[in-house]
PDB file of all heavy atoms in Angstrom:
ATOM      1  N   ARG A   1     -10.544  10.935  -2.051  1.00  0.00           N
ATOM      2  CA  ARG A   1     -10.545  12.303  -1.541  1.00  0.00           C
ATOM      3  C   ARG A   1      -9.230  12.956  -1.906  1.00  0.00           C
ATOM      4  O   ARG A   1      -8.169  12.360  -1.729  1.00  0.00           O
ATOM      5  CB  ARG A   1     -10.697  12.313  -0.020  1.00  0.00           C
ATOM      6  CG  ARG A   1     -12.050  11.862   0.439  1.00  0.00           C
ATOM      7  CD  ARG A   1     -12.193  11.976   1.944  1.00  0.00           C
ATOM      8  NE  ARG A   1     -13.283  11.103   2.328  1.00  0.00           N
ATOM      9  CZ  ARG A   1     -13.300  10.379   3.406  1.00  0.00           C
ATOM     10  NH1 ARG A   1     -12.303  10.421   4.246  1.00  0.00           N
ATOM     11  NH2 ARG A   1     -14.326   9.605   3.671  1.00  0.00           N
ATOM     12  N   ASP A   2      -9.313  14.160  -2.390  1.00  0.00           N
ATOM     13  CA  ASP A   2      -8.120  14.930  -2.749  1.00  0.00           C
ATOM     14  C   ASP A   2      -7.192  14.149  -3.668  1.00  0.00           C
ATOM     15  O   ASP A   2      -5.973  14.200  -3.540  1.00  0.00           O
ATOM     16  CB  ASP A   2      -7.369  15.373  -1.495  1.00  0.00           C
ATOM     17  CG  ASP A   2      -8.205  16.258  -0.588  1.00  0.00           C
ATOM     18  OD1 ASP A   2      -8.984  17.072  -1.132  1.00  0.00           O
ATOM     19  OD2 ASP A   2      -8.083  16.143   0.637  1.00  0.00           O
ATOM     20  N   GLY A   3      -7.769  13.364  -4.574  1.00  0.00           N
ATOM     21  CA  GLY A   3      -6.982  12.616  -5.544  1.00  0.00           C
ATOM     22  C   GLY A   3      -6.370  11.331  -5.023  1.00  0.00           C
ATOM     23  O   GLY A   3      -5.665  10.641  -5.744  1.00  0.00           O
ATOM     24  N   LEU A   4      -6.636  10.981  -3.751  1.00  0.00           N
ATOM     25  CA  LEU A   4      -6.082   9.760  -3.173  1.00  0.00           C
ATOM     26  C   LEU A   4      -7.200   8.755  -2.908  1.00  0.00           C
ATOM     27  O   LEU A   4      -8.294   9.127  -2.504  1.00  0.00           O
ATOM     28  CB  LEU A   4      -5.351  10.067  -1.867  1.00  0.00           C
ATOM     29  CG  LEU A   4      -4.160  11.004  -1.966  1.00  0.00           C
ATOM     30  CD1 LEU A   4      -3.610  11.304  -0.581  1.00  0.00           C
ATOM     31  CD2 LEU A   4      -3.076  10.405  -2.848  1.00  0.00           C
ATOM     32  N   PHE A   5      -6.902   7.484  -3.119  1.00  0.00           N
ATOM     33  CA  PHE A   5      -7.868   6.422  -2.894  1.00  0.00           C
ATOM     34  C   PHE A   5      -7.645   5.812  -1.519  1.00  0.00           C
ATOM     35  O   PHE A   5      -6.514   5.729  -1.037  1.00  0.00           O
ATOM     36  CB  PHE A   5      -7.716   5.314  -3.952  1.00  0.00           C
ATOM     37  CG  PHE A   5      -8.134   5.737  -5.319  1.00  0.00           C
ATOM     38  CD1 PHE A   5      -7.212   6.239  -6.216  1.00  0.00           C
ATOM     39  CD2 PHE A   5      -9.462   5.656  -5.702  1.00  0.00           C
ATOM     40  CE1 PHE A   5      -7.600   6.635  -7.481  1.00  0.00           C
ATOM     41  CE2 PHE A   5      -9.861   6.058  -6.963  1.00  0.00           C
ATOM     42  CZ  PHE A   5      -8.925   6.550  -7.860  1.00  0.00           C
ATOM     43  N   GLY A   6      -8.715   5.360  -0.919  1.00  0.00           N
ATOM     44  CA  GLY A   6      -8.615   4.681   0.366  1.00  0.00           C
ATOM     45  C   GLY A   6      -9.683   3.614   0.471  1.00  0.00           C
ATOM     46  O   GLY A   6     -10.728   3.675  -0.184  1.00  0.00           O
ATOM     47  N   LEU A   7      -9.413   2.621   1.308  1.00  0.00           N
ATOM     48  CA  LEU A   7     -10.389   1.564   1.562  1.00  0.00           C
ATOM     49  C   LEU A   7     -11.450   2.065   2.520  1.00  0.00           C
ATOM     50  O   LEU A   7     -11.154   2.772   3.481  1.00  0.00           O
ATOM     51  CB  LEU A   7      -9.709   0.352   2.205  1.00  0.00           C
ATOM     52  CG  LEU A   7      -8.949  -0.604   1.319  1.00  0.00           C
ATOM     53  CD1 LEU A   7      -8.258  -1.661   2.146  1.00  0.00           C
ATOM     54  CD2 LEU A   7      -9.875  -1.254   0.318  1.00  0.00           C
ATOM     55  N   THR A   8     -12.657   1.673   2.278  1.00  0.00           N
ATOM     56  CA  THR A   8     -13.739   1.921   3.216  1.00  0.00           C
ATOM     57  C   THR A   8     -13.750   0.754   4.211  1.00  0.00           C
ATOM     58  O   THR A   8     -13.084  -0.275   3.981  1.00  0.00           O
ATOM     59  CB  THR A   8     -15.091   1.973   2.484  1.00  0.00           C
ATOM     60  OG1 THR A   8     -15.336   0.687   1.905  1.00  0.00           O
ATOM     61  CG2 THR A   8     -15.098   3.059   1.417  1.00  0.00           C
ATOM     62  N   PRO A   9     -14.496   0.859   5.302  1.00  0.00           N
ATOM     63  CA  PRO A   9     -14.608  -0.295   6.213  1.00  0.00           C
ATOM     64  C   PRO A   9     -15.095  -1.557   5.493  1.00  0.00           C
ATOM     65  O   PRO A   9     -14.604  -2.653   5.759  1.00  0.00           O
ATOM     66  CB  PRO A   9     -15.602   0.185   7.264  1.00  0.00           C
ATOM     67  CG  PRO A   9     -15.398   1.674   7.303  1.00  0.00           C
ATOM     68  CD  PRO A   9     -15.146   2.047   5.862  1.00  0.00           C
ATOM     69  N   LEU A  10     -16.024  -1.392   4.558  1.00  0.00           N
ATOM     70  CA  LEU A  10     -16.504  -2.535   3.787  1.00  0.00           C
ATOM     71  C   LEU A  10     -15.387  -3.114   2.918  1.00  0.00           C
ATOM     72  O   LEU A  10     -15.252  -4.335   2.789  1.00  0.00           O
ATOM     73  CB  LEU A  10     -17.700  -2.112   2.918  1.00  0.00           C
ATOM     74  CG  LEU A  10     -18.403  -3.203   2.122  1.00  0.00           C
ATOM     75  CD1 LEU A  10     -18.968  -4.275   3.051  1.00  0.00           C
ATOM     76  CD2 LEU A  10     -19.511  -2.600   1.273  1.00  0.00           C
ATOM     77  N   GLY A  11     -14.574  -2.245   2.328  1.00  0.00           N
ATOM     78  CA  GLY A  11     -13.453  -2.697   1.507  1.00  0.00           C
ATOM     79  C   GLY A  11     -12.418  -3.444   2.334  1.00  0.00           C
ATOM     80  O   GLY A  11     -11.858  -4.453   1.893  1.00  0.00           O
ATOM     81  N   LEU A  12     -12.170  -2.955   3.532  1.00  0.00           N
ATOM     82  CA  LEU A  12     -11.222  -3.620   4.422  1.00  0.00           C
ATOM     83  C   LEU A  12     -11.724  -5.005   4.804  1.00  0.00           C
ATOM     84  O   LEU A  12     -10.965  -5.975   4.816  1.00  0.00           O
ATOM     85  CB  LEU A  12     -10.983  -2.763   5.659  1.00  0.00           C
ATOM     86  CG  LEU A  12      -9.852  -3.182   6.571  1.00  0.00           C
ATOM     87  CD1 LEU A  12      -8.524  -3.249   5.833  1.00  0.00           C
ATOM     88  CD2 LEU A  12      -9.748  -2.225   7.746  1.00  0.00           C
ATOM     89  N   LYS A  13     -13.009  -5.096   5.074  1.00  0.00           N
ATOM     90  CA  LYS A  13     -13.602  -6.397   5.408  1.00  0.00           C
ATOM     91  C   LYS A  13     -13.487  -7.357   4.225  1.00  0.00           C
ATOM     92  O   LYS A  13     -13.140  -8.522   4.389  1.00  0.00           O
ATOM     93  CB  LYS A  13     -15.061  -6.221   5.815  1.00  0.00           C
ATOM     94  CG  LYS A  13     -15.727  -7.499   6.239  1.00  0.00           C
ATOM     95  CD  LYS A  13     -17.162  -7.258   6.683  1.00  0.00           C
ATOM     96  CE  LYS A  13     -17.816  -8.576   7.053  1.00  0.00           C
ATOM     97  NZ  LYS A  13     -19.216  -8.406   7.422  1.00  0.00           N
ATOM     98  N   ALA A  14     -13.763  -6.846   3.017  1.00  0.00           N
ATOM     99  CA  ALA A  14     -13.690  -7.686   1.818  1.00  0.00           C
ATOM    100  C   ALA A  14     -12.259  -8.138   1.535  1.00  0.00           C
ATOM    101  O   ALA A  14     -12.044  -9.238   1.018  1.00  0.00           O
ATOM    102  CB  ALA A  14     -14.243  -6.927   0.610  1.00  0.00           C
ATOM    103  N   ALA A  15     -11.281  -7.303   1.880  1.00  0.00           N
ATOM    104  CA  ALA A  15      -9.875  -7.647   1.635  1.00  0.00           C
ATOM    105  C   ALA A  15      -9.409  -8.792   2.525  1.00  0.00           C
ATOM    106  O   ALA A  15      -8.494  -9.526   2.181  1.00  0.00           O
ATOM    107  CB  ALA A  15      -8.988  -6.429   1.865  1.00  0.00           C
ATOM    108  N   GLY A  16     -10.042  -8.948   3.672  1.00  0.00           N
ATOM    109  CA  GLY A  16      -9.630 -10.005   4.592  1.00  0.00           C
ATOM    110  C   GLY A  16      -8.408  -9.574   5.383  1.00  0.00           C
ATOM    111  O   GLY A  16      -8.082  -8.393   5.474  1.00  0.00           O
ATOM    112  N   GLN A  17      -7.731 -10.551   5.949  1.00  0.00           N
ATOM    113  CA  GLN A  17      -6.561 -10.245   6.767  1.00  0.00           C
ATOM    114  C   GLN A  17      -5.477  -9.589   5.912  1.00  0.00           C
ATOM    115  O   GLN A  17      -5.114 -10.085   4.857  1.00  0.00           O
ATOM    116  CB  GLN A  17      -6.000 -11.504   7.408  1.00  0.00           C
ATOM    117  CG  GLN A  17      -4.837 -11.215   8.322  1.00  0.00           C
ATOM    118  CD  GLN A  17      -4.316 -12.476   9.013  1.00  0.00           C
ATOM    119  OE1 GLN A  17      -4.890 -13.537   8.897  1.00  0.00           O
ATOM    120  NE2 GLN A  17      -3.231 -12.337   9.730  1.00  0.00           N
ATOM    121  N   VAL A  18      -4.984  -8.473   6.396  1.00  0.00           N
ATOM    122  CA  VAL A  18      -3.944  -7.735   5.695  1.00  0.00           C
ATOM    123  C   VAL A  18      -2.684  -7.783   6.540  1.00  0.00           C
ATOM    124  O   VAL A  18      -2.696  -7.422   7.708  1.00  0.00           O
ATOM    125  CB  VAL A  18      -4.371  -6.266   5.452  1.00  0.00           C
ATOM    126  CG1 VAL A  18      -3.256  -5.484   4.802  1.00  0.00           C
ATOM    127  CG2 VAL A  18      -5.642  -6.223   4.621  1.00  0.00           C
ATOM    128  N   VAL A  19      -1.604  -8.251   5.949  1.00  0.00           N
ATOM    129  CA  VAL A  19      -0.331  -8.326   6.649  1.00  0.00           C
ATOM    130  C   VAL A  19       0.420  -7.031   6.406  1.00  0.00           C
ATOM    131  O   VAL A  19       0.615  -6.622   5.255  1.00  0.00           O
ATOM    132  CB  VAL A  19       0.501  -9.534   6.155  1.00  0.00           C
ATOM    133  CG1 VAL A  19       1.837  -9.585   6.854  1.00  0.00           C
ATOM    134  CG2 VAL A  19      -0.274 -10.821   6.361  1.00  0.00           C
ATOM    135  N   ARG A  20       0.801  -6.374   7.487  1.00  0.00           N
ATOM    136  CA  ARG A  20       1.530  -5.116   7.367  1.00  0.00           C
ATOM    137  C   ARG A  20       2.935  -5.379   6.837  1.00  0.00           C
ATOM    138  O   ARG A  20       3.580  -6.338   7.229  1.00  0.00           O
ATOM    139  CB  ARG A  20       1.633  -4.467   8.738  1.00  0.00           C
ATOM    140  CG  ARG A  20       1.258  -3.059   8.640  1.00  0.00           C
ATOM    141  CD  ARG A  20       0.893  -2.397   9.896  1.00  0.00           C
ATOM    142  NE  ARG A  20       1.345  -1.039   9.854  1.00  0.00           N
ATOM    143  CZ  ARG A  20       0.749  -0.102   9.155  1.00  0.00           C
ATOM    144  NH1 ARG A  20      -0.283  -0.379   8.433  1.00  0.00           N
ATOM    145  NH2 ARG A  20       1.193   1.115   9.169  1.00  0.00           N
ATOM    146  N   PRO A  21       3.418  -4.521   5.939  1.00  0.00           N
ATOM    147  CA  PRO A  21       4.772  -4.724   5.400  1.00  0.00           C
ATOM    148  C   PRO A  21       5.847  -4.479   6.464  1.00  0.00           C
ATOM    149  O   PRO A  21       5.615  -3.760   7.438  1.00  0.00           O
ATOM    150  CB  PRO A  21       4.861  -3.672   4.280  1.00  0.00           C
ATOM    151  CG  PRO A  21       3.828  -2.662   4.601  1.00  0.00           C
ATOM    152  CD  PRO A  21       2.755  -3.349   5.379  1.00  0.00           C
ATOM    153  N   ASN A  22       6.986  -5.088   6.262  1.00  0.00           N
ATOM    154  CA  ASN A  22       8.116  -4.874   7.162  1.00  0.00           C
ATOM    155  C   ASN A  22       8.622  -3.446   7.022  1.00  0.00           C
ATOM    156  O   ASN A  22       8.540  -2.849   5.944  1.00  0.00           O
ATOM    157  CB  ASN A  22       9.262  -5.843   6.834  1.00  0.00           C
ATOM    158  CG  ASN A  22       8.886  -7.272   7.105  1.00  0.00           C
ATOM    159  OD1 ASN A  22       8.156  -7.576   8.034  1.00  0.00           O
ATOM    160  ND2 ASN A  22       9.375  -8.170   6.258  1.00  0.00           N
ATOM    161  N   ALA A  23       9.172  -2.906   8.091  1.00  0.00           N
ATOM    162  CA  ALA A  23       9.699  -1.538   8.076  1.00  0.00           C
ATOM    163  C   ALA A  23      10.743  -1.391   6.968  1.00  0.00           C
ATOM    164  O   ALA A  23      11.668  -2.191   6.852  1.00  0.00           O
ATOM    165  CB  ALA A  23      10.305  -1.195   9.435  1.00  0.00           C
ATOM    166  N   GLY A  24      10.560  -0.396   6.155  1.00  0.00           N
ATOM    167  CA  GLY A  24      11.480  -0.120   5.055  1.00  0.00           C
ATOM    168  C   GLY A  24      11.117  -0.792   3.749  1.00  0.00           C
ATOM    169  O   GLY A  24      11.641  -0.420   2.701  1.00  0.00           O
ATOM    170  N   SER A  25      10.207  -1.758   3.778  1.00  0.00           N
ATOM    171  CA  SER A  25       9.893  -2.474   2.544  1.00  0.00           C
ATOM    172  C   SER A  25       9.090  -1.623   1.567  1.00  0.00           C
ATOM    173  O   SER A  25       9.226  -1.782   0.354  1.00  0.00           O
ATOM    174  CB  SER A  25       9.167  -3.789   2.835  1.00  0.00           C
ATOM    175  OG  SER A  25       7.889  -3.554   3.387  1.00  0.00           O
ATOM    176  N   VAL A  26       8.273  -0.705   2.065  1.00  0.00           N
ATOM    177  CA  VAL A  26       7.494   0.150   1.163  1.00  0.00           C
ATOM    178  C   VAL A  26       8.431   1.012   0.333  1.00  0.00           C
ATOM    179  O   VAL A  26       8.280   1.122  -0.885  1.00  0.00           O
ATOM    180  CB  VAL A  26       6.487   1.014   1.958  1.00  0.00           C
ATOM    181  CG1 VAL A  26       5.883   2.092   1.079  1.00  0.00           C
ATOM    182  CG2 VAL A  26       5.399   0.131   2.554  1.00  0.00           C
ATOM    183  N   ILE A  27       9.418   1.592   0.989  1.00  0.00           N
ATOM    184  CA  ILE A  27      10.388   2.426   0.267  1.00  0.00           C
ATOM    185  C   ILE A  27      11.129   1.589  -0.770  1.00  0.00           C
ATOM    186  O   ILE A  27      11.273   1.993  -1.925  1.00  0.00           O
ATOM    187  CB  ILE A  27      11.369   3.095   1.245  1.00  0.00           C
ATOM    188  CG1 ILE A  27      10.608   4.119   2.109  1.00  0.00           C
ATOM    189  CG2 ILE A  27      12.529   3.751   0.503  1.00  0.00           C
ATOM    190  CD1 ILE A  27      11.385   4.640   3.293  1.00  0.00           C
ATOM    191  N   ASN A  28      11.585   0.427  -0.371  1.00  0.00           N
ATOM    192  CA  ASN A  28      12.312  -0.445  -1.310  1.00  0.00           C
ATOM    193  C   ASN A  28      11.430  -0.877  -2.479  1.00  0.00           C
ATOM    194  O   ASN A  28      11.893  -0.923  -3.619  1.00  0.00           O
ATOM    195  CB  ASN A  28      12.878  -1.659  -0.585  1.00  0.00           C
ATOM    196  CG  ASN A  28      14.036  -1.292   0.304  1.00  0.00           C
ATOM    197  OD1 ASN A  28      14.752  -0.326   0.057  1.00  0.00           O
ATOM    198  ND2 ASN A  28      14.221  -2.042   1.369  1.00  0.00           N
ATOM    199  N   ASP A  29      10.185  -1.190  -2.196  1.00  0.00           N
ATOM    200  CA  ASP A  29       9.274  -1.601  -3.269  1.00  0.00           C
ATOM    201  C   ASP A  29       9.068  -0.470  -4.271  1.00  0.00           C
ATOM    202  O   ASP A  29       9.077  -0.694  -5.487  1.00  0.00           O
ATOM    203  CB  ASP A  29       7.924  -2.043  -2.696  1.00  0.00           C
ATOM    204  CG  ASP A  29       7.994  -3.373  -1.973  1.00  0.00           C
ATOM    205  OD1 ASP A  29       9.005  -4.095  -2.111  1.00  0.00           O
ATOM    206  OD2 ASP A  29       7.024  -3.696  -1.252  1.00  0.00           O
ATOM    207  N   TRP A  30       8.874   0.756  -3.776  1.00  0.00           N
ATOM    208  CA  TRP A  30       8.714   1.901  -4.681  1.00  0.00           C
ATOM    209  C   TRP A  30       9.984   2.148  -5.479  1.00  0.00           C
ATOM    210  O   TRP A  30       9.924   2.410  -6.684  1.00  0.00           O
ATOM    211  CB  TRP A  30       8.313   3.158  -3.914  1.00  0.00           C
ATOM    212  CG  TRP A  30       6.850   3.227  -3.666  1.00  0.00           C
ATOM    213  CD1 TRP A  30       6.198   3.131  -2.465  1.00  0.00           C
ATOM    214  CD2 TRP A  30       5.816   3.392  -4.645  1.00  0.00           C
ATOM    215  NE1 TRP A  30       4.848   3.224  -2.656  1.00  0.00           N
ATOM    216  CE2 TRP A  30       4.583   3.395  -3.977  1.00  0.00           C
ATOM    217  CE3 TRP A  30       5.829   3.547  -6.033  1.00  0.00           C
ATOM    218  CZ2 TRP A  30       3.372   3.541  -4.647  1.00  0.00           C
ATOM    219  CZ3 TRP A  30       4.627   3.692  -6.701  1.00  0.00           C
ATOM    220  CH2 TRP A  30       3.414   3.685  -6.013  1.00  0.00           C
ATOM    221  N   LYS A  31      11.126   2.062  -4.834  1.00  0.00           N
ATOM    222  CA  LYS A  31      12.383   2.291  -5.541  1.00  0.00           C
ATOM    223  C   LYS A  31      12.577   1.252  -6.644  1.00  0.00           C
ATOM    224  O   LYS A  31      12.990   1.589  -7.754  1.00  0.00           O
ATOM    225  CB  LYS A  31      13.552   2.285  -4.552  1.00  0.00           C
ATOM    226  CG  LYS A  31      13.577   3.550  -3.693  1.00  0.00           C
ATOM    227  CD  LYS A  31      14.566   3.496  -2.560  1.00  0.00           C
ATOM    228  CE  LYS A  31      15.969   3.294  -3.017  1.00  0.00           C
ATOM    229  NZ  LYS A  31      16.943   3.365  -1.918  1.00  0.00           N
ATOM    230  N   ASN A  32      12.262   0.009  -6.357  1.00  0.00           N
ATOM    231  CA  ASN A  32      12.374  -1.044  -7.375  1.00  0.00           C
ATOM    232  C   ASN A  32      11.403  -0.807  -8.524  1.00  0.00           C
ATOM    233  O   ASN A  32      11.732  -1.041  -9.689  1.00  0.00           O
ATOM    234  CB  ASN A  32      12.123  -2.419  -6.764  1.00  0.00           C
ATOM    235  CG  ASN A  32      13.257  -2.872  -5.887  1.00  0.00           C
ATOM    236  OD1 ASN A  32      14.404  -2.460  -6.059  1.00  0.00           O
ATOM    237  ND2 ASN A  32      12.953  -3.699  -4.910  1.00  0.00           N
ATOM    238  N   ALA A  33      10.210  -0.350  -8.218  1.00  0.00           N
ATOM    239  CA  ALA A  33       9.197  -0.137  -9.251  1.00  0.00           C
ATOM    240  C   ALA A  33       9.511   1.071 -10.129  1.00  0.00           C
ATOM    241  O   ALA A  33       9.209   1.052 -11.323  1.00  0.00           O
ATOM    242  CB  ALA A  33       7.822   0.050  -8.595  1.00  0.00           C
ATOM    243  N   LEU A  34      10.122   2.106  -9.562  1.00  0.00           N
ATOM    244  CA  LEU A  34      10.325   3.350 -10.305  1.00  0.00           C
ATOM    245  C   LEU A  34      11.661   3.458 -11.026  1.00  0.00           C
ATOM    246  O   LEU A  34      11.815   4.282 -11.911  1.00  0.00           O
ATOM    247  CB  LEU A  34      10.154   4.542  -9.365  1.00  0.00           C
ATOM    248  CG  LEU A  34       8.740   4.719  -8.812  1.00  0.00           C
ATOM    249  CD1 LEU A  34       8.720   5.787  -7.736  1.00  0.00           C
ATOM    250  CD2 LEU A  34       7.766   5.049  -9.927  1.00  0.00           C
ATOM    251  N   GLY A  35      12.639   2.662 -10.642  1.00  0.00           N
ATOM    252  CA  GLY A  35      13.936   2.709 -11.309  1.00  0.00           C
ATOM    253  C   GLY A  35      14.938   3.600 -10.608  1.00  0.00           C
ATOM    254  O   GLY A  35      14.648   4.255  -9.608  1.00  0.00           O
ATOM    255  N   SER A  36      16.161   3.642 -11.160  1.00  0.00           N
ATOM    256  CA  SER A  36      17.277   4.284 -10.455  1.00  0.00           C
ATOM    257  C   SER A  36      17.167   5.798 -10.332  1.00  0.00           C
ATOM    258  O   SER A  36      17.515   6.356  -9.300  1.00  0.00           O
ATOM    259  CB  SER A  36      18.608   3.905 -11.100  1.00  0.00           C
ATOM    260  OG  SER A  36      18.716   4.479 -12.385  1.00  0.00           O
ATOM    261  N   GLY A  37      16.693   6.496 -11.352  1.00  0.00           N
ATOM    262  CA  GLY A  37      16.595   7.954 -11.275  1.00  0.00           C
ATOM    263  C   GLY A  37      15.664   8.415 -10.167  1.00  0.00           C
ATOM    264  O   GLY A  37      16.075   9.153  -9.260  1.00  0.00           O
TER     265      GLY A  37
END
């Protein structure tokens, strides 16, 4: 929707247990993936 992807309830079930990331790790992961600029 609106150019963004999301899991459906069926997709969530198929994924199994999902461990939530630690606070701040999403930002760090993106920064590492995208580089210094």
